[in-house]
Amino acid sequence: MKNNLVIDVPLVNKDEQDKKKFEKINDKIIWKMQLFLQVFSDETRIRILILLDYQEYTVTELCDKLSLTKSAVSHQLKLLRSARIVKVRKVGKNSFYSLSDEHVAKILETTIEHVKEE
């Protein structure tokens, strides 16, 4: 982080509640946003997220769907988990991966809609 700059965002035609939500965005928030969005910049991770938007999968199932090695998929899942974009549910020896919450699904779906626009 560079400094503790706070951005006062001028919002026109917004009600008071919306203004307060975006009023002060400090460097720490901007840094966290940058790290979060950076995770979406890899083709393999995007493919994993698209699959997980439909249902949960094990590492083996993701490997089969993506024709990738277990170590490659596991590495990407580790990055996605550390960014809190995916979560894991353990059942016995099996680990099932899914999107962490609806926010991630919305970001993914909105991005797909946006890039499909002409």
PDB file of N, CA and C in Angstrom:
ATOM      1  N   MET A   1       0.832  -1.178   0.000  1.00  0.00           N
ATOM      2  CA  MET A   1       0.000   0.000   0.000  1.00  0.00           C
ATOM      3  C   MET A   1       0.873   1.235   0.000  1.00  0.00           C
ATOM      4  N   LYS A   2       0.483   2.206  -0.806  1.00  0.00           N
ATOM      5  CA  LYS A   2       1.304   3.392  -0.974  1.00  0.00           C
ATOM      6  C   LYS A   2       1.171   4.355   0.196  1.00  0.00           C
ATOM      7  N   ASN A   3      -0.010   4.823   0.455  1.00  0.00           N
ATOM      8  CA  ASN A   3      -0.232   5.744   1.564  1.00  0.00           C
ATOM      9  C   ASN A   3      -1.648   5.559   2.076  1.00  0.00           C
ATOM     10  N   ASN A   4      -2.071   6.405   2.932  1.00  0.00           N
ATOM     11  CA  ASN A   4      -3.396   6.258   3.512  1.00  0.00           C
ATOM     12  C   ASN A   4      -4.370   7.253   2.889  1.00  0.00           C
ATOM     13  N   LEU A   5      -4.318   7.375   1.578  1.00  0.00           N
ATOM     14  CA  LEU A   5      -5.195   8.269   0.842  1.00  0.00           C
ATOM     15  C   LEU A   5      -6.630   7.790   0.945  1.00  0.00           C
ATOM     16  N   VAL A   6      -7.536   8.685   1.227  1.00  0.00           N
ATOM     17  CA  VAL A   6      -8.956   8.360   1.272  1.00  0.00           C
ATOM     18  C   VAL A   6      -9.624   9.081   0.113  1.00  0.00           C
ATOM     19  N   ILE A   7     -10.403   8.350  -0.658  1.00  0.00           N
ATOM     20  CA  ILE A   7     -11.088   8.926  -1.805  1.00  0.00           C
ATOM     21  C   ILE A   7     -12.495   9.314  -1.392  1.00  0.00           C
ATOM     22  N   ASP A   8     -12.811  10.576  -1.524  1.00  0.00           N
ATOM     23  CA  ASP A   8     -14.180  11.022  -1.327  1.00  0.00           C
ATOM     24  C   ASP A   8     -14.863  10.958  -2.680  1.00  0.00           C
ATOM     25  N   VAL A   9     -15.776  10.020  -2.829  1.00  0.00           N
ATOM     26  CA  VAL A   9     -16.415   9.793  -4.110  1.00  0.00           C
ATOM     27  C   VAL A   9     -17.658  10.676  -4.217  1.00  0.00           C
ATOM     28  N   PRO A  10     -17.664  11.600  -5.188  1.00  0.00           N
ATOM     29  CA  PRO A  10     -18.861  12.424  -5.360  1.00  0.00           C
ATOM     30  C   PRO A  10     -19.925  11.624  -6.106  1.00  0.00           C
ATOM     31  N   LEU A  11     -21.039  11.423  -5.470  1.00  0.00           N
ATOM     32  CA  LEU A  11     -22.128  10.688  -6.096  1.00  0.00           C
ATOM     33  C   LEU A  11     -23.296  11.623  -6.339  1.00  0.00           C
ATOM     34  N   VAL A  12     -23.680  11.734  -7.558  1.00  0.00           N
ATOM     35  CA  VAL A  12     -24.776  12.604  -7.941  1.00  0.00           C
ATOM     36  C   VAL A  12     -26.034  11.758  -8.083  1.00  0.00           C
ATOM     37  N   ASN A  13     -27.155  12.291  -7.620  1.00  0.00           N
ATOM     38  CA  ASN A  13     -28.447  11.617  -7.729  1.00  0.00           C
ATOM     39  C   ASN A  13     -28.484  10.262  -7.013  1.00  0.00           C
ATOM     40  N   LYS A  14     -27.850  10.200  -5.881  1.00  0.00           N
ATOM     41  CA  LYS A  14     -27.895   8.992  -5.059  1.00  0.00           C
ATOM     42  C   LYS A  14     -28.526   9.356  -3.721  1.00  0.00           C
ATOM     43  N   ASP A  15     -29.236   8.411  -3.129  1.00  0.00           N
ATOM     44  CA  ASP A  15     -29.792   8.713  -1.813  1.00  0.00           C
ATOM     45  C   ASP A  15     -28.692   8.618  -0.759  1.00  0.00           C
ATOM     46  N   GLU A  16     -28.973   9.059   0.431  1.00  0.00           N
ATOM     47  CA  GLU A  16     -27.963   9.151   1.485  1.00  0.00           C
ATOM     48  C   GLU A  16     -27.334   7.807   1.839  1.00  0.00           C
ATOM     49  N   GLN A  17     -28.115   6.749   1.831  1.00  0.00           N
ATOM     50  CA  GLN A  17     -27.577   5.431   2.187  1.00  0.00           C
ATOM     51  C   GLN A  17     -26.530   4.985   1.161  1.00  0.00           C
ATOM     52  N   ASP A  18     -26.803   5.175  -0.119  1.00  0.00           N
ATOM     53  CA  ASP A  18     -25.837   4.818  -1.152  1.00  0.00           C
ATOM     54  C   ASP A  18     -24.582   5.676  -1.041  1.00  0.00           C
ATOM     55  N   LYS A  19     -24.747   6.954  -0.719  1.00  0.00           N
ATOM     56  CA  LYS A  19     -23.594   7.845  -0.579  1.00  0.00           C
ATOM     57  C   LYS A  19     -22.664   7.347   0.523  1.00  0.00           C
ATOM     58  N   LYS A  20     -23.237   6.944   1.653  1.00  0.00           N
ATOM     59  CA  LYS A  20     -22.420   6.496   2.773  1.00  0.00           C
ATOM     60  C   LYS A  20     -21.655   5.222   2.446  1.00  0.00           C
ATOM     61  N   LYS A  21     -22.232   4.355   1.633  1.00  0.00           N
ATOM     62  CA  LYS A  21     -21.594   3.084   1.293  1.00  0.00           C
ATOM     63  C   LYS A  21     -20.277   3.310   0.546  1.00  0.00           C
ATOM     64  N   PHE A  22     -20.217   4.337  -0.292  1.00  0.00           N
ATOM     65  CA  PHE A  22     -19.039   4.577  -1.113  1.00  0.00           C
ATOM     66  C   PHE A  22     -18.289   5.846  -0.720  1.00  0.00           C
ATOM     67  N   GLU A  23     -18.680   6.453   0.392  1.00  0.00           N
ATOM     68  CA  GLU A  23     -18.141   7.754   0.772  1.00  0.00           C
ATOM     69  C   GLU A  23     -16.623   7.764   0.934  1.00  0.00           C
ATOM     70  N   LYS A  24     -16.099   6.839   1.697  1.00  0.00           N
ATOM     71  CA  LYS A  24     -14.661   6.839   1.968  1.00  0.00           C
ATOM     72  C   LYS A  24     -14.088   5.460   1.658  1.00  0.00           C
ATOM     73  N   ILE A  25     -13.318   5.416   0.606  1.00  0.00           N
ATOM     74  CA  ILE A  25     -12.662   4.177   0.198  1.00  0.00           C
ATOM     75  C   ILE A  25     -11.170   4.391   0.401  1.00  0.00           C
ATOM     76  N   ASN A  26     -10.610   3.723   1.414  1.00  0.00           N
ATOM     77  CA  ASN A  26      -9.195   3.939   1.734  1.00  0.00           C
ATOM     78  C   ASN A  26      -8.288   2.967   0.972  1.00  0.00           C
ATOM     79  N   ASP A  27      -6.992   3.137   1.138  1.00  0.00           N
ATOM     80  CA  ASP A  27      -6.014   2.320   0.428  1.00  0.00           C
ATOM     81  C   ASP A  27      -6.136   0.835   0.758  1.00  0.00           C
ATOM     82  N   LYS A  28      -6.479   0.522   1.976  1.00  0.00           N
ATOM     83  CA  LYS A  28      -6.606  -0.876   2.358  1.00  0.00           C
ATOM     84  C   LYS A  28      -7.731  -1.543   1.563  1.00  0.00           C
ATOM     85  N   ILE A  29      -8.837  -0.869   1.413  1.00  0.00           N
ATOM     86  CA  ILE A  29      -9.955  -1.413   0.637  1.00  0.00           C
ATOM     87  C   ILE A  29      -9.569  -1.533  -0.831  1.00  0.00           C
ATOM     88  N   ILE A  30      -8.900  -0.518  -1.370  1.00  0.00           N
ATOM     89  CA  ILE A  30      -8.468  -0.559  -2.768  1.00  0.00           C
ATOM     90  C   ILE A  30      -7.490  -1.713  -2.983  1.00  0.00           C
ATOM     91  N   TRP A  31      -6.570  -1.908  -2.054  1.00  0.00           N
ATOM     92  CA  TRP A  31      -5.607  -3.010  -2.136  1.00  0.00           C
ATOM     93  C   TRP A  31      -6.325  -4.361  -2.121  1.00  0.00           C
ATOM     94  N   LYS A  32      -7.308  -4.528  -1.231  1.00  0.00           N
ATOM     95  CA  LYS A  32      -8.073  -5.776  -1.171  1.00  0.00           C
ATOM     96  C   LYS A  32      -8.869  -5.993  -2.458  1.00  0.00           C
ATOM     97  N   MET A  33      -9.414  -4.915  -3.019  1.00  0.00           N
ATOM     98  CA  MET A  33     -10.145  -5.018  -4.286  1.00  0.00           C
ATOM     99  C   MET A  33      -9.210  -5.481  -5.401  1.00  0.00           C
ATOM    100  N   GLN A  34      -8.011  -4.907  -5.442  1.00  0.00           N
ATOM    101  CA  GLN A  34      -7.032  -5.263  -6.469  1.00  0.00           C
ATOM    102  C   GLN A  34      -6.667  -6.736  -6.369  1.00  0.00           C
ATOM    103  N   LEU A  35      -6.418  -7.236  -5.175  1.00  0.00           N
ATOM    104  CA  LEU A  35      -6.085  -8.653  -4.985  1.00  0.00           C
ATOM    105  C   LEU A  35      -7.250  -9.551  -5.378  1.00  0.00           C
ATOM    106  N   PHE A  36      -8.446  -9.168  -4.989  1.00  0.00           N
ATOM    107  CA  PHE A  36      -9.643  -9.949  -5.301  1.00  0.00           C
ATOM    108  C   PHE A  36      -9.841 -10.042  -6.809  1.00  0.00           C
ATOM    109  N   LEU A  37      -9.773  -8.903  -7.492  1.00  0.00           N
ATOM    110  CA  LEU A  37     -10.013  -8.887  -8.936  1.00  0.00           C
ATOM    111  C   LEU A  37      -8.882  -9.543  -9.714  1.00  0.00           C
ATOM    112  N   GLN A  38      -7.682  -9.503  -9.187  1.00  0.00           N
ATOM    113  CA  GLN A  38      -6.531 -10.119  -9.839  1.00  0.00           C
ATOM    114  C   GLN A  38      -6.730 -11.629 -10.000  1.00  0.00           C
ATOM    115  N   VAL A  39      -7.414 -12.240  -9.063  1.00  0.00           N
ATOM    116  CA  VAL A  39      -7.655 -13.677  -9.115  1.00  0.00           C
ATOM    117  C   VAL A  39      -8.478 -14.045 -10.354  1.00  0.00           C
ATOM    118  N   PHE A  40      -9.301 -13.125 -10.829  1.00  0.00           N
ATOM    119  CA  PHE A  40     -10.138 -13.375 -11.994  1.00  0.00           C
ATOM    120  C   PHE A  40      -9.373 -13.240 -13.313  1.00  0.00           C
ATOM    121  N   SER A  41      -8.093 -12.915 -13.264  1.00  0.00           N
ATOM    122  CA  SER A  41      -7.347 -12.630 -14.484  1.00  0.00           C
ATOM    123  C   SER A  41      -6.667 -13.852 -15.110  1.00  0.00           C
ATOM    124  N   ASP A  42      -6.966 -15.028 -14.634  1.00  0.00           N
ATOM    125  CA  ASP A  42      -6.338 -16.240 -15.154  1.00  0.00           C
ATOM    126  C   ASP A  42      -7.385 -17.123 -15.829  1.00  0.00           C
ATOM    127  N   GLU A  43      -7.085 -17.583 -17.046  1.00  0.00           N
ATOM    128  CA  GLU A  43      -8.040 -18.381 -17.823  1.00  0.00           C
ATOM    129  C   GLU A  43      -8.453 -19.667 -17.104  1.00  0.00           C
ATOM    130  N   THR A  44      -7.506 -20.356 -16.515  1.00  0.00           N
ATOM    131  CA  THR A  44      -7.822 -21.607 -15.813  1.00  0.00           C
ATOM    132  C   THR A  44      -8.744 -21.340 -14.630  1.00  0.00           C
ATOM    133  N   ARG A  45      -8.459 -20.295 -13.868  1.00  0.00           N
ATOM    134  CA  ARG A  45      -9.314 -19.973 -12.722  1.00  0.00           C
ATOM    135  C   ARG A  45     -10.725 -19.596 -13.184  1.00  0.00           C
ATOM    136  N   ILE A  46     -10.819 -18.872 -14.287  1.00  0.00           N
ATOM    137  CA  ILE A  46     -12.142 -18.509 -14.806  1.00  0.00           C
ATOM    138  C   ILE A  46     -12.909 -19.766 -15.209  1.00  0.00           C
ATOM    139  N   ARG A  47     -12.238 -20.702 -15.861  1.00  0.00           N
ATOM    140  CA  ARG A  47     -12.906 -21.956 -16.246  1.00  0.00           C
ATOM    141  C   ARG A  47     -13.391 -22.724 -15.004  1.00  0.00           C
ATOM    142  N   ILE A  48     -12.577 -22.764 -13.985  1.00  0.00           N
ATOM    143  CA  ILE A  48     -12.979 -23.416 -12.731  1.00  0.00           C
ATOM    144  C   ILE A  48     -14.203 -22.717 -12.144  1.00  0.00           C
ATOM    145  N   LEU A  49     -14.175 -21.390 -12.106  1.00  0.00           N
ATOM    146  CA  LEU A  49     -15.293 -20.639 -11.538  1.00  0.00           C
ATOM    147  C   LEU A  49     -16.583 -20.848 -12.326  1.00  0.00           C
ATOM    148  N   ILE A  50     -16.484 -20.914 -13.642  1.00  0.00           N
ATOM    149  CA  ILE A  50     -17.678 -21.162 -14.459  1.00  0.00           C
ATOM    150  C   ILE A  50     -18.275 -22.518 -14.111  1.00  0.00           C
ATOM    151  N   LEU A  51     -17.433 -23.532 -13.988  1.00  0.00           N
ATOM    152  CA  LEU A  51     -17.939 -24.852 -13.597  1.00  0.00           C
ATOM    153  C   LEU A  51     -18.574 -24.813 -12.215  1.00  0.00           C
ATOM    154  N   LEU A  52     -17.904 -24.148 -11.268  1.00  0.00           N
ATOM    155  CA  LEU A  52     -18.412 -24.106  -9.894  1.00  0.00           C
ATOM    156  C   LEU A  52     -19.664 -23.249  -9.763  1.00  0.00           C
ATOM    157  N   ASP A  53     -19.930 -22.411 -10.758  1.00  0.00           N
ATOM    158  CA  ASP A  53     -21.165 -21.615 -10.738  1.00  0.00           C
ATOM    159  C   ASP A  53     -22.390 -22.506 -10.938  1.00  0.00           C
ATOM    160  N   TYR A  54     -22.178 -23.685 -11.550  1.00  0.00           N
ATOM    161  CA  TYR A  54     -23.289 -24.601 -11.800  1.00  0.00           C
ATOM    162  C   TYR A  54     -23.473 -25.627 -10.700  1.00  0.00           C
ATOM    163  N   GLN A  55     -22.365 -26.142 -10.163  1.00  0.00           N
ATOM    164  CA  GLN A  55     -22.454 -27.148  -9.102  1.00  0.00           C
ATOM    165  C   GLN A  55     -21.098 -27.287  -8.432  1.00  0.00           C
ATOM    166  N   GLU A  56     -21.056 -28.030  -7.337  1.00  0.00           N
ATOM    167  CA  GLU A  56     -19.784 -28.267  -6.674  1.00  0.00           C
ATOM    168  C   GLU A  56     -19.094 -29.469  -7.314  1.00  0.00           C
ATOM    169  N   TYR A  57     -17.766 -29.450  -7.236  1.00  0.00           N
ATOM    170  CA  TYR A  57     -16.946 -30.501  -7.834  1.00  0.00           C
ATOM    171  C   TYR A  57     -15.799 -30.865  -6.901  1.00  0.00           C
ATOM    172  N   THR A  58     -15.310 -32.092  -7.054  1.00  0.00           N
ATOM    173  CA  THR A  58     -14.067 -32.496  -6.410  1.00  0.00           C
ATOM    174  C   THR A  58     -12.911 -32.090  -7.321  1.00  0.00           C
ATOM    175  N   VAL A  59     -11.700 -32.156  -6.803  1.00  0.00           N
ATOM    176  CA  VAL A  59     -10.516 -31.850  -7.618  1.00  0.00           C
ATOM    177  C   VAL A  59     -10.450 -32.808  -8.808  1.00  0.00           C
ATOM    178  N   THR A  60     -10.696 -34.078  -8.567  1.00  0.00           N
ATOM    179  CA  THR A  60     -10.643 -35.082  -9.632  1.00  0.00           C
ATOM    180  C   THR A  60     -11.651 -34.764 -10.730  1.00  0.00           C
ATOM    181  N   GLU A  61     -12.853 -34.396 -10.347  1.00  0.00           N
ATOM    182  CA  GLU A  61     -13.879 -34.053 -11.343  1.00  0.00           C
ATOM    183  C   GLU A  61     -13.471 -32.815 -12.147  1.00  0.00           C
ATOM    184  N   LEU A  62     -12.912 -31.821 -11.475  1.00  0.00           N
ATOM    185  CA  LEU A  62     -12.442 -30.623 -12.181  1.00  0.00           C
ATOM    186  C   LEU A  62     -11.302 -30.981 -13.141  1.00  0.00           C
ATOM    187  N   CYS A  63     -10.402 -31.858 -12.712  1.00  0.00           N
ATOM    188  CA  CYS A  63      -9.301 -32.310 -13.581  1.00  0.00           C
ATOM    189  C   CYS A  63      -9.851 -32.946 -14.852  1.00  0.00           C
ATOM    190  N   ASP A  64     -10.849 -33.808 -14.693  1.00  0.00           N
ATOM    191  CA  ASP A  64     -11.452 -34.481 -15.847  1.00  0.00           C
ATOM    192  C   ASP A  64     -12.139 -33.483 -16.779  1.00  0.00           C
ATOM    193  N   LYS A  65     -12.883 -32.548 -16.210  1.00  0.00           N
ATOM    194  CA  LYS A  65     -13.615 -31.563 -17.019  1.00  0.00           C
ATOM    195  C   LYS A  65     -12.673 -30.628 -17.769  1.00  0.00           C
ATOM    196  N   LEU A  66     -11.545 -30.275 -17.148  1.00  0.00           N
ATOM    197  CA  LEU A  66     -10.639 -29.280 -17.711  1.00  0.00           C
ATOM    198  C   LEU A  66      -9.405 -29.880 -18.390  1.00  0.00           C
ATOM    199  N   SER A  67      -9.276 -31.198 -18.315  1.00  0.00           N
ATOM    200  CA  SER A  67      -8.105 -31.891 -18.869  1.00  0.00           C
ATOM    201  C   SER A  67      -6.802 -31.306 -18.321  1.00  0.00           C
ATOM    202  N   LEU A  68      -6.760 -31.162 -16.999  1.00  0.00           N
ATOM    203  CA  LEU A  68      -5.583 -30.633 -16.314  1.00  0.00           C
ATOM    204  C   LEU A  68      -5.122 -31.623 -15.254  1.00  0.00           C
ATOM    205  N   THR A  69      -3.880 -31.454 -14.813  1.00  0.00           N
ATOM    206  CA  THR A  69      -3.350 -32.320 -13.766  1.00  0.00           C
ATOM    207  C   THR A  69      -3.937 -31.925 -12.406  1.00  0.00           C
ATOM    208  N   LYS A  70      -3.854 -32.875 -11.494  1.00  0.00           N
ATOM    209  CA  LYS A  70      -4.347 -32.621 -10.145  1.00  0.00           C
ATOM    210  C   LYS A  70      -3.576 -31.485  -9.479  1.00  0.00           C
ATOM    211  N   SER A  71      -2.268 -31.429  -9.695  1.00  0.00           N
ATOM    212  CA  SER A  71      -1.478 -30.367  -9.064  1.00  0.00           C
ATOM    213  C   SER A  71      -1.850 -28.993  -9.635  1.00  0.00           C
ATOM    214  N   ALA A  72      -2.136 -28.921 -10.934  1.00  0.00           N
ATOM    215  CA  ALA A  72      -2.514 -27.636 -11.545  1.00  0.00           C
ATOM    216  C   ALA A  72      -3.848 -27.145 -10.986  1.00  0.00           C
ATOM    217  N   VAL A  73      -4.819 -28.037 -10.902  1.00  0.00           N
ATOM    218  CA  VAL A  73      -6.143 -27.653 -10.381  1.00  0.00           C
ATOM    219  C   VAL A  73      -6.036 -27.323  -8.894  1.00  0.00           C
ATOM    220  N   SER A  74      -5.309 -28.123  -8.145  1.00  0.00           N
ATOM    221  CA  SER A  74      -5.163 -27.873  -6.707  1.00  0.00           C
ATOM    222  C   SER A  74      -4.508 -26.520  -6.441  1.00  0.00           C
ATOM    223  N   HIS A  75      -3.510 -26.183  -7.245  1.00  0.00           N
ATOM    224  CA  HIS A  75      -2.836 -24.889  -7.101  1.00  0.00           C
ATOM    225  C   HIS A  75      -3.823 -23.735  -7.321  1.00  0.00           C
ATOM    226  N   GLN A  76      -4.626 -23.834  -8.378  1.00  0.00           N
ATOM    227  CA  GLN A  76      -5.595 -22.772  -8.665  1.00  0.00           C
ATOM    228  C   GLN A  76      -6.663 -22.688  -7.573  1.00  0.00           C
ATOM    229  N   LEU A  77      -7.108 -23.829  -7.089  1.00  0.00           N
ATOM    230  CA  LEU A  77      -8.108 -23.835  -6.008  1.00  0.00           C
ATOM    231  C   LEU A  77      -7.541 -23.217  -4.728  1.00  0.00           C
ATOM    232  N   LYS A  78      -6.268 -23.449  -4.472  1.00  0.00           N
ATOM    233  CA  LYS A  78      -5.634 -22.844  -3.291  1.00  0.00           C
ATOM    234  C   LYS A  78      -5.673 -21.319  -3.397  1.00  0.00           C
ATOM    235  N   LEU A  79      -5.347 -20.783  -4.579  1.00  0.00           N
ATOM    236  CA  LEU A  79      -5.408 -19.331  -4.788  1.00  0.00           C
ATOM    237  C   LEU A  79      -6.840 -18.809  -4.642  1.00  0.00           C
ATOM    238  N   LEU A  80      -7.787 -19.533  -5.203  1.00  0.00           N
ATOM    239  CA  LEU A  80      -9.194 -19.119  -5.120  1.00  0.00           C
ATOM    240  C   LEU A  80      -9.708 -19.185  -3.682  1.00  0.00           C
ATOM    241  N   ARG A  81      -9.277 -20.178  -2.937  1.00  0.00           N
ATOM    242  CA  ARG A  81      -9.673 -20.284  -1.524  1.00  0.00           C
ATOM    243  C   ARG A  81      -9.059 -19.158  -0.696  1.00  0.00           C
ATOM    244  N   SER A  82      -7.791 -18.846  -0.952  1.00  0.00           N
ATOM    245  CA  SER A  82      -7.138 -17.794  -0.166  1.00  0.00           C
ATOM    246  C   SER A  82      -7.765 -16.426  -0.438  1.00  0.00           C
ATOM    247  N   ALA A  83      -8.343 -16.255  -1.619  1.00  0.00           N
ATOM    248  CA  ALA A  83      -9.040 -15.011  -1.946  1.00  0.00           C
ATOM    249  C   ALA A  83     -10.511 -15.059  -1.520  1.00  0.00           C
ATOM    250  N   ARG A  84     -10.907 -16.149  -0.881  1.00  0.00           N
ATOM    251  CA  ARG A  84     -12.283 -16.338  -0.404  1.00  0.00           C
ATOM    252  C   ARG A  84     -13.304 -16.330  -1.542  1.00  0.00           C
ATOM    253  N   ILE A  85     -12.893 -16.841  -2.706  1.00  0.00           N
ATOM    254  CA  ILE A  85     -13.777 -16.905  -3.862  1.00  0.00           C
ATOM    255  C   ILE A  85     -14.429 -18.279  -3.959  1.00  0.00           C
ATOM    256  N   VAL A  86     -13.733 -19.312  -3.495  1.00  0.00           N
ATOM    257  CA  VAL A  86     -14.329 -20.646  -3.409  1.00  0.00           C
ATOM    258  C   VAL A  86     -14.210 -21.151  -1.978  1.00  0.00           C
ATOM    259  N   LYS A  87     -15.059 -22.110  -1.676  1.00  0.00           N
ATOM    260  CA  LYS A  87     -15.012 -22.751  -0.357  1.00  0.00           C
ATOM    261  C   LYS A  87     -14.980 -24.255  -0.566  1.00  0.00           C
ATOM    262  N   VAL A  88     -14.626 -24.969   0.472  1.00  0.00           N
ATOM    263  CA  VAL A  88     -14.528 -26.422   0.402  1.00  0.00           C
ATOM    264  C   VAL A  88     -15.426 -27.036   1.470  1.00  0.00           C
ATOM    265  N   ARG A  89     -16.060 -28.142   1.094  1.00  0.00           N
ATOM    266  CA  ARG A  89     -16.897 -28.913   2.021  1.00  0.00           C
ATOM    267  C   ARG A  89     -16.346 -30.324   2.024  1.00  0.00           C
ATOM    268  N   LYS A  90     -15.960 -30.812   3.203  1.00  0.00           N
ATOM    269  CA  LYS A  90     -15.362 -32.138   3.304  1.00  0.00           C
ATOM    270  C   LYS A  90     -16.405 -33.157   3.743  1.00  0.00           C
ATOM    271  N   VAL A  91     -16.419 -34.291   3.009  1.00  0.00           N
ATOM    272  CA  VAL A  91     -17.275 -35.419   3.353  1.00  0.00           C
ATOM    273  C   VAL A  91     -16.378 -36.651   3.335  1.00  0.00           C
ATOM    274  N   GLY A  92     -16.037 -37.125   4.521  1.00  0.00           N
ATOM    275  CA  GLY A  92     -15.088 -38.234   4.600  1.00  0.00           C
ATOM    276  C   GLY A  92     -13.748 -37.800   4.038  1.00  0.00           C
ATOM    277  N   LYS A  93     -13.262 -38.550   3.047  1.00  0.00           N
ATOM    278  CA  LYS A  93     -11.986 -38.215   2.416  1.00  0.00           C
ATOM    279  C   LYS A  93     -12.160 -37.286   1.217  1.00  0.00           C
ATOM    280  N   ASN A  94     -13.397 -37.014   0.846  1.00  0.00           N
ATOM    281  CA  ASN A  94     -13.669 -36.193  -0.331  1.00  0.00           C
ATOM    282  C   ASN A  94     -13.828 -34.719   0.026  1.00  0.00           C
ATOM    283  N   SER A  95     -13.297 -33.858  -0.841  1.00  0.00           N
ATOM    284  CA  SER A  95     -13.441 -32.407  -0.695  1.00  0.00           C
ATOM    285  C   SER A  95     -14.227 -31.885  -1.886  1.00  0.00           C
ATOM    286  N   PHE A  96     -15.316 -31.189  -1.603  1.00  0.00           N
ATOM    287  CA  PHE A  96     -16.168 -30.642  -2.645  1.00  0.00           C
ATOM    288  C   PHE A  96     -16.026 -29.126  -2.649  1.00  0.00           C
ATOM    289  N   TYR A  97     -15.710 -28.586  -3.829  1.00  0.00           N
ATOM    290  CA  TYR A  97     -15.486 -27.150  -3.979  1.00  0.00           C
ATOM    291  C   TYR A  97     -16.710 -26.497  -4.606  1.00  0.00           C
ATOM    292  N   SER A  98     -16.991 -25.268  -4.145  1.00  0.00           N
ATOM    293  CA  SER A  98     -18.090 -24.479  -4.700  1.00  0.00           C
ATOM    294  C   SER A  98     -17.744 -23.003  -4.553  1.00  0.00           C
ATOM    295  N   LEU A  99     -18.524 -22.150  -5.214  1.00  0.00           N
ATOM    296  CA  LEU A  99     -18.322 -20.714  -5.056  1.00  0.00           C
ATOM    297  C   LEU A  99     -18.627 -20.338  -3.614  1.00  0.00           C
ATOM    298  N   SER A 100     -17.916 -19.372  -3.090  1.00  0.00           N
ATOM    299  CA  SER A 100     -18.050 -19.046  -1.671  1.00  0.00           C
ATOM    300  C   SER A 100     -19.404 -18.426  -1.328  1.00  0.00           C
ATOM    301  N   ASP A 101     -19.961 -17.632  -2.250  1.00  0.00           N
ATOM    302  CA  ASP A 101     -21.269 -17.031  -1.972  1.00  0.00           C
ATOM    303  C   ASP A 101     -21.866 -16.452  -3.245  1.00  0.00           C
ATOM    304  N   GLU A 102     -23.050 -15.891  -3.115  1.00  0.00           N
ATOM    305  CA  GLU A 102     -23.765 -15.333  -4.270  1.00  0.00           C
ATOM    306  C   GLU A 102     -23.060 -14.119  -4.866  1.00  0.00           C
ATOM    307  N   HIS A 103     -22.281 -13.397  -4.070  1.00  0.00           N
ATOM    308  CA  HIS A 103     -21.558 -12.245  -4.607  1.00  0.00           C
ATOM    309  C   HIS A 103     -20.608 -12.679  -5.718  1.00  0.00           C
ATOM    310  N   VAL A 104     -19.903 -13.768  -5.501  1.00  0.00           N
ATOM    311  CA  VAL A 104     -18.960 -14.268  -6.493  1.00  0.00           C
ATOM    312  C   VAL A 104     -19.719 -14.705  -7.747  1.00  0.00           C
ATOM    313  N   ALA A 105     -20.828 -15.397  -7.556  1.00  0.00           N
ATOM    314  CA  ALA A 105     -21.641 -15.826  -8.699  1.00  0.00           C
ATOM    315  C   ALA A 105     -22.131 -14.624  -9.493  1.00  0.00           C
ATOM    316  N   LYS A 106     -22.552 -13.579  -8.800  1.00  0.00           N
ATOM    317  CA  LYS A 106     -23.034 -12.373  -9.490  1.00  0.00           C
ATOM    318  C   LYS A 106     -21.921 -11.686 -10.259  1.00  0.00           C
ATOM    319  N   ILE A 107     -20.729 -11.603  -9.669  1.00  0.00           N
ATOM    320  CA  ILE A 107     -19.586 -10.991 -10.361  1.00  0.00           C
ATOM    321  C   ILE A 107     -19.279 -11.767 -11.634  1.00  0.00           C
ATOM    322  N   LEU A 108     -19.247 -13.076 -11.530  1.00  0.00           N
ATOM    323  CA  LEU A 108     -18.962 -13.920 -12.674  1.00  0.00           C
ATOM    324  C   LEU A 108     -20.033 -13.768 -13.754  1.00  0.00           C
ATOM    325  N   GLU A 109     -21.290 -13.860 -13.360  1.00  0.00           N
ATOM    326  CA  GLU A 109     -22.394 -13.773 -14.315  1.00  0.00           C
ATOM    327  C   GLU A 109     -22.490 -12.386 -14.947  1.00  0.00           C
ATOM    328  N   THR A 110     -22.260 -11.333 -14.170  1.00  0.00           N
ATOM    329  CA  THR A 110     -22.280  -9.972 -14.712  1.00  0.00           C
ATOM    330  C   THR A 110     -21.147  -9.776 -15.704  1.00  0.00           C
ATOM    331  N   THR A 111     -19.983 -10.331 -15.405  1.00  0.00           N
ATOM    332  CA  THR A 111     -18.845 -10.233 -16.320  1.00  0.00           C
ATOM    333  C   THR A 111     -19.155 -10.937 -17.635  1.00  0.00           C
ATOM    334  N   ILE A 112     -19.748 -12.117 -17.567  1.00  0.00           N
ATOM    335  CA  ILE A 112     -20.111 -12.855 -18.782  1.00  0.00           C
ATOM    336  C   ILE A 112     -21.103 -12.039 -19.612  1.00  0.00           C
ATOM    337  N   GLU A 113     -22.127 -11.490 -18.951  1.00  0.00           N
ATOM    338  CA  GLU A 113     -23.106 -10.659 -19.659  1.00  0.00           C
ATOM    339  C   GLU A 113     -22.432  -9.458 -20.313  1.00  0.00           C
ATOM    340  N   HIS A 114     -21.530  -8.823 -19.593  1.00  0.00           N
ATOM    341  CA  HIS A 114     -20.867  -7.627 -20.108  1.00  0.00           C
ATOM    342  C   HIS A 114     -20.041  -7.921 -21.354  1.00  0.00           C
ATOM    343  N   VAL A 115     -19.247  -8.983 -21.318  1.00  0.00           N
ATOM    344  CA  VAL A 115     -18.375  -9.265 -22.462  1.00  0.00           C
ATOM    345  C   VAL A 115     -19.151  -9.797 -23.667  1.00  0.00           C
ATOM    346  N   LYS A 116     -20.362 -10.308 -23.438  1.00  0.00           N
ATOM    347  CA  LYS A 116     -21.195 -10.765 -24.553  1.00  0.00           C
ATOM    348  C   LYS A 116     -21.911  -9.623 -25.263  1.00  0.00           C
ATOM    349  N   GLU A 117     -21.966  -8.463 -24.622  1.00  0.00           N
ATOM    350  CA  GLU A 117     -22.631  -7.311 -25.235  1.00  0.00           C
ATOM    351  C   GLU A 117     -21.873  -6.865 -26.476  1.00  0.00           C
ATOM    352  N   GLU A 118     -22.623  -6.364 -27.425  1.00  0.00           N
ATOM    353  CA  GLU A 118     -21.978  -5.846 -28.652  1.00  0.00           C
ATOM    354  C   GLU A 118     -21.932  -4.356 -28.637  1.00  0.00           C
TER     355      GLU A 118
END
